[in-house]
């Protein structure tokens, strides 16, 4: 009995019902470099046709590659501790919505990543419409941070405790999931894209950088520094509410990953 070939080392599953069929080739960086960083600087940039990550732990890279939150990843503790300098040059004609797949391929090639996704019940914040109804307006623009990002993907202007732009409710939930409060799931039932302008005073209990953000705003004498927490801000500004529930959550389970990347 012939074995089916998987599309890549990080494919969650692949089945070949017909031998002649082949899965489309996974997008890859044309040129890539991965080196252990001297220190963790958490610096990242996206230039024309390239991705540059400096002093970044692998956990945030996994978050971007698989579109999950930190809390949705199960793996070794060093994913938060060891930092790397990663450079990737995109091939001619590649679009930015292909970057997650390219990061997946890079992780598989350089770190021998093997992973799978499964649902696990866990506490989440369910984002629902508040009793007064939604206050956010449906967007009449296709504005995204990067013009070639697919609908439902955001990488917008982010200041500690703030987000502004045109996005779907699913995108907003994904962004809030990365703020340290835990997974946020969209149960609003609102479709389409909305103009979101949300700011709040970061809570140090959930957001580790809250103290630094508050200090920087105070030093800059910003008059519009938010004073309400996230839960109040989302209700007052958007007419939404975050409810605590237990729901099945997609979890990225790291089956294998090497701590030392292969050479460039």
Protein backbone atom coordinates (compact mmCIF):
# COMPACT_ATOMS: atom_id res chain seq x y z
CA UNK A 1 0.00 0.00 0.00
CA UNK A 2 1.52 3.32 -1.11
CA UNK A 3 2.05 6.00 1.47
CA UNK A 4 0.77 9.50 0.85
CA UNK A 5 3.30 12.30 0.95
CA UNK A 6 2.65 15.20 3.28
CA UNK A 7 2.85 18.68 1.83
CA UNK A 8 5.40 19.82 4.43
CA UNK A 9 6.92 18.84 7.78
CA UNK A 10 4.49 21.14 9.58
CA UNK A 11 1.34 20.18 7.71
CA UNK A 12 -1.32 19.26 10.21
CA UNK A 13 -2.60 16.48 7.97
CA UNK A 14 -2.44 15.53 4.31
CA UNK A 15 -4.17 12.77 2.39
CA UNK A 16 -3.53 11.75 -1.21
CA UNK A 17 -6.64 9.95 -2.48
CA UNK A 18 -5.28 9.88 -6.02
CA UNK A 19 -1.61 9.23 -6.66
CA UNK A 20 -1.48 11.68 -9.56
CA UNK A 21 -2.68 14.58 -7.41
CA UNK A 22 -0.09 16.74 -5.71
CA UNK A 23 -0.64 19.38 -3.04
CA UNK A 24 0.36 22.89 -4.15
CA UNK A 25 3.89 23.80 -3.18
CA UNK A 26 4.06 25.73 0.07
CA UNK A 27 5.29 29.32 -0.26
CA UNK A 28 8.85 29.78 0.99
CA UNK A 29 11.24 32.66 1.46
CA UNK A 30 13.63 32.98 -1.46
CA UNK A 31 16.49 33.68 0.95
CA UNK A 32 16.36 33.17 4.70
CA UNK A 33 18.72 33.58 7.63
CA UNK A 34 18.21 32.39 11.22
CA UNK A 35 20.74 33.11 13.97
CA UNK A 36 20.63 33.07 17.75
CA UNK A 37 20.34 36.66 19.01
CA UNK A 38 22.74 38.13 21.53
CA UNK A 39 19.78 39.60 23.42
CA UNK A 40 16.00 39.82 23.22
CA UNK A 41 15.10 43.18 21.66
CA UNK A 42 11.65 42.30 20.26
CA UNK A 43 12.27 44.35 17.11
CA UNK A 44 10.40 43.53 13.92
CA UNK A 45 9.81 45.22 10.60
CA UNK A 46 8.20 44.46 7.28
CA UNK A 47 9.92 46.14 4.36
CA UNK A 48 9.31 45.81 0.62
CA UNK A 49 9.58 42.09 -0.03
CA UNK A 50 11.25 41.16 3.24
CA UNK A 51 10.58 40.19 6.84
CA UNK A 52 13.09 41.22 9.51
CA UNK A 53 12.77 39.93 13.10
CA UNK A 54 15.50 40.87 15.57
CA UNK A 55 15.81 39.41 19.05
CA UNK A 56 12.47 37.64 18.82
CA UNK A 57 11.49 34.49 20.78
CA UNK A 58 9.91 31.73 18.70
CA UNK A 59 6.56 31.99 20.51
CA UNK A 60 5.57 35.25 18.72
CA UNK A 61 6.77 33.76 15.43
CA UNK A 62 4.51 30.75 15.99
CA UNK A 63 1.65 33.13 16.79
CA UNK A 64 2.05 34.89 13.44
CA UNK A 65 2.72 31.71 11.49
CA UNK A 66 -0.33 29.82 12.74
CA UNK A 67 -2.63 32.75 13.65
CA UNK A 68 -3.15 31.71 17.26
CA UNK A 69 -2.54 33.49 20.56
CA UNK A 70 0.28 32.80 23.03
CA UNK A 71 -2.13 30.92 25.26
CA UNK A 72 -3.09 28.62 22.40
CA UNK A 73 0.42 27.18 22.04
CA UNK A 74 1.62 24.16 24.01
CA UNK A 75 5.35 23.52 23.82
CA UNK A 76 8.71 23.77 25.62
CA UNK A 77 9.33 26.72 27.94
CA UNK A 78 12.33 27.95 25.97
CA UNK A 79 9.99 29.15 23.20
CA UNK A 80 9.52 32.27 25.37
CA UNK A 81 13.17 32.56 26.39
CA UNK A 82 15.55 31.90 23.48
CA UNK A 83 15.65 34.77 21.00
CA UNK A 84 16.66 34.78 17.34
CA UNK A 85 17.43 37.12 14.46
CA UNK A 86 15.35 36.03 11.48
CA UNK A 87 15.52 37.49 7.98
CA UNK A 88 13.41 36.37 5.06
CA UNK A 89 13.36 37.67 1.50
CA UNK A 90 10.07 37.04 -0.27
CA UNK A 91 10.13 35.66 -3.82
CA UNK A 92 9.12 37.80 -6.77
CA UNK A 93 5.35 38.21 -6.96
CA UNK A 94 4.68 36.90 -3.45
CA UNK A 95 1.96 38.65 -1.44
CA UNK A 96 2.07 39.46 2.23
CA UNK A 97 -0.80 37.14 3.02
CA UNK A 98 1.64 34.32 2.21
CA UNK A 99 4.00 35.31 5.04
CA UNK A 100 2.42 32.96 7.64
CA UNK A 101 2.94 29.98 5.32
CA UNK A 102 6.51 31.10 4.66
CA UNK A 103 7.17 31.31 8.40
CA UNK A 104 5.75 27.82 8.81
CA UNK A 105 8.10 26.49 6.13
CA UNK A 106 11.04 28.29 7.73
CA UNK A 107 10.27 26.82 11.15
CA UNK A 108 9.99 23.35 9.66
CA UNK A 109 13.27 23.63 7.76
CA UNK A 110 15.46 25.35 10.34
CA UNK A 111 13.94 24.10 13.61
CA UNK A 112 12.51 20.77 12.41
CA UNK A 113 9.09 21.86 13.68
CA UNK A 114 6.35 19.25 13.75
CA UNK A 115 3.00 20.32 15.19
CA UNK A 116 -0.70 19.67 15.08
CA UNK A 117 -3.87 21.47 16.12
CA UNK A 118 -6.57 20.12 18.37
CA UNK A 119 -9.54 21.51 20.30
CA UNK A 120 -9.15 21.71 24.07
CA UNK A 121 -11.79 23.11 26.45
CA UNK A 122 -10.52 26.10 28.39
CA UNK A 123 -11.70 29.42 29.86
CA UNK A 124 -12.08 32.14 27.25
CA UNK A 125 -13.56 35.59 26.94
CA UNK A 126 -16.57 35.49 24.63
CA UNK A 127 -16.99 38.77 22.76
CA UNK A 128 -20.74 39.42 22.46
CA UNK A 129 -23.01 42.37 21.65
CA UNK A 130 -23.98 44.33 24.77
CA UNK A 131 -27.65 44.83 25.66
CA UNK A 132 -27.67 48.33 24.15
CA UNK A 133 -26.57 47.06 20.74
CA UNK A 134 -23.33 47.60 18.80
CA UNK A 135 -21.93 51.13 18.53
CA UNK A 136 -19.29 50.38 15.89
CA UNK A 137 -20.10 51.39 12.31
CA UNK A 138 -19.67 49.09 9.34
CA UNK A 139 -16.70 50.20 7.28
CA UNK A 140 -17.12 51.51 3.75
CA UNK A 141 -13.42 51.17 3.02
CA UNK A 142 -11.06 48.29 2.29
CA UNK A 143 -8.40 49.85 4.48
CA UNK A 144 -5.86 47.45 5.93
CA UNK A 145 -2.44 48.10 7.36
CA UNK A 146 -0.97 46.31 4.38
CA UNK A 147 -3.00 46.45 1.18
CA UNK A 148 -2.40 42.83 0.22
CA UNK A 149 -3.40 41.34 3.55
CA UNK A 150 -6.48 39.12 3.24
CA UNK A 151 -9.75 40.06 4.90
CA UNK A 152 -9.71 39.12 8.55
CA UNK A 153 -6.00 39.82 9.01
CA UNK A 154 -4.74 42.89 10.86
CA UNK A 155 -1.44 44.40 11.74
CA UNK A 156 -2.65 47.88 12.56
CA UNK A 157 -1.38 50.84 14.56
CA UNK A 158 -0.85 49.37 17.99
CA UNK A 159 0.06 51.38 21.04
CA UNK A 160 -0.09 49.67 24.41
CA UNK A 161 -3.80 49.59 25.08
CA UNK A 162 -5.01 50.75 21.70
CA UNK A 163 -6.04 49.67 18.22
CA UNK A 164 -7.54 51.62 15.33
CA UNK A 165 -8.54 50.62 11.82
CA UNK A 166 -10.97 48.75 9.62
CA UNK A 167 -11.36 45.09 10.57
CA UNK A 168 -13.68 42.15 11.11
CA UNK A 169 -14.90 41.12 14.55
CA UNK A 170 -12.80 37.96 14.21
CA UNK A 171 -9.72 40.12 13.63
CA UNK A 172 -10.50 42.23 16.69
CA UNK A 173 -10.90 39.08 18.80
CA UNK A 174 -7.58 37.74 17.48
CA UNK A 175 -5.82 41.00 18.39
CA UNK A 176 -7.31 41.08 21.89
CA UNK A 177 -6.22 37.46 22.37
CA UNK A 178 -2.63 38.62 22.15
CA UNK A 179 -2.93 41.23 24.90
CA UNK A 180 -2.44 38.77 27.77
CA UNK A 181 -6.03 38.36 28.92
CA UNK A 182 -6.32 34.90 27.36
CA UNK A 183 -8.19 33.67 24.28
CA UNK A 184 -10.98 35.95 23.03
CA UNK A 185 -13.59 34.41 20.72
CA UNK A 186 -16.05 36.26 18.52
CA UNK A 187 -19.70 35.50 19.32
CA UNK A 188 -21.10 38.84 18.12
CA UNK A 189 -22.69 37.48 14.96
CA UNK A 190 -21.57 40.69 13.22
CA UNK A 191 -20.28 40.15 9.70
CA UNK A 192 -18.29 42.43 7.44
CA UNK A 193 -15.67 44.95 8.46
CA UNK A 194 -16.06 47.73 11.00
CA UNK A 195 -14.30 50.98 11.85
CA UNK A 196 -12.67 50.28 15.21
CA UNK A 197 -11.13 52.95 17.43
CA UNK A 198 -10.47 51.44 20.83
CA UNK A 199 -8.13 52.54 23.61
CA UNK A 200 -7.86 51.55 27.24
CA UNK A 201 -5.59 51.78 30.25
CA UNK A 202 -3.47 48.58 30.23
CA UNK A 203 -3.85 46.38 33.31
CA UNK A 204 -0.46 45.27 34.71
CA UNK A 205 -2.10 42.04 35.90
CA UNK A 206 -2.66 41.03 32.28
CA UNK A 207 -0.36 43.19 30.16
CA UNK A 208 3.29 43.02 31.29
CA UNK A 209 4.21 46.25 29.45
CA UNK A 210 1.43 48.27 31.09
CA UNK A 211 3.74 50.07 33.51
CA UNK A 212 6.17 51.14 30.80
CA UNK A 213 3.31 52.30 28.57
CA UNK A 214 1.77 54.38 31.35
CA UNK A 215 5.14 55.96 32.16
CA UNK A 216 5.89 56.83 28.53
CA UNK A 217 2.49 58.45 28.10
CA UNK A 218 2.90 60.43 31.32
CA UNK A 219 6.37 61.61 30.30
CA UNK A 220 4.97 62.75 26.96
CA UNK A 221 2.17 64.67 28.73
CA UNK A 222 -0.46 63.14 26.51
CA UNK A 223 -3.87 64.56 27.46
CA UNK A 224 -5.86 61.74 25.93
CA UNK A 225 -4.33 58.88 27.91
CA UNK A 226 -7.15 56.34 28.46
CA UNK A 227 -8.38 55.91 32.02
CA UNK A 228 -10.80 52.97 31.69
CA UNK A 229 -9.90 49.28 31.50
CA UNK A 230 -10.42 47.10 28.43
CA UNK A 231 -13.72 45.66 29.62
CA UNK A 232 -15.23 49.12 30.15
CA UNK A 233 -13.71 50.57 26.97
CA UNK A 234 -15.04 47.86 24.69
CA UNK A 235 -18.54 48.31 26.13
CA UNK A 236 -18.56 52.12 26.01
CA UNK A 237 -16.80 52.54 22.66
CA UNK A 238 -18.06 49.57 20.65
CA UNK A 239 -21.21 48.37 22.40
CA UNK A 240 -19.63 44.96 22.94
CA UNK A 241 -18.96 42.92 26.07
CA UNK A 242 -16.44 40.28 27.16
CA UNK A 243 -18.00 37.35 29.03
CA UNK A 244 -16.08 34.58 30.79
CA UNK A 245 -16.96 31.11 29.41
CA UNK A 246 -15.48 27.68 28.87
CA UNK A 247 -15.29 26.86 25.17
CA UNK A 248 -13.31 24.52 22.88
CA UNK A 249 -10.17 26.37 21.85
CA UNK A 250 -7.93 25.44 18.95
CA UNK A 251 -4.55 24.61 20.48
CA UNK A 252 -1.28 24.35 18.58
CA UNK A 253 0.56 21.39 20.08
CA UNK A 254 4.31 21.31 19.39
CA UNK A 255 5.21 17.66 18.81
CA UNK A 256 8.88 18.35 18.07
CA UNK A 257 11.13 21.38 17.70
CA UNK A 258 14.91 21.72 17.83
CA UNK A 259 16.38 24.37 20.11
CA UNK A 260 19.35 25.01 17.83
CA UNK A 261 18.48 25.99 14.22
CA UNK A 262 20.27 24.44 11.27
CA UNK A 263 22.83 26.50 9.37
CA UNK A 264 21.98 29.10 6.77
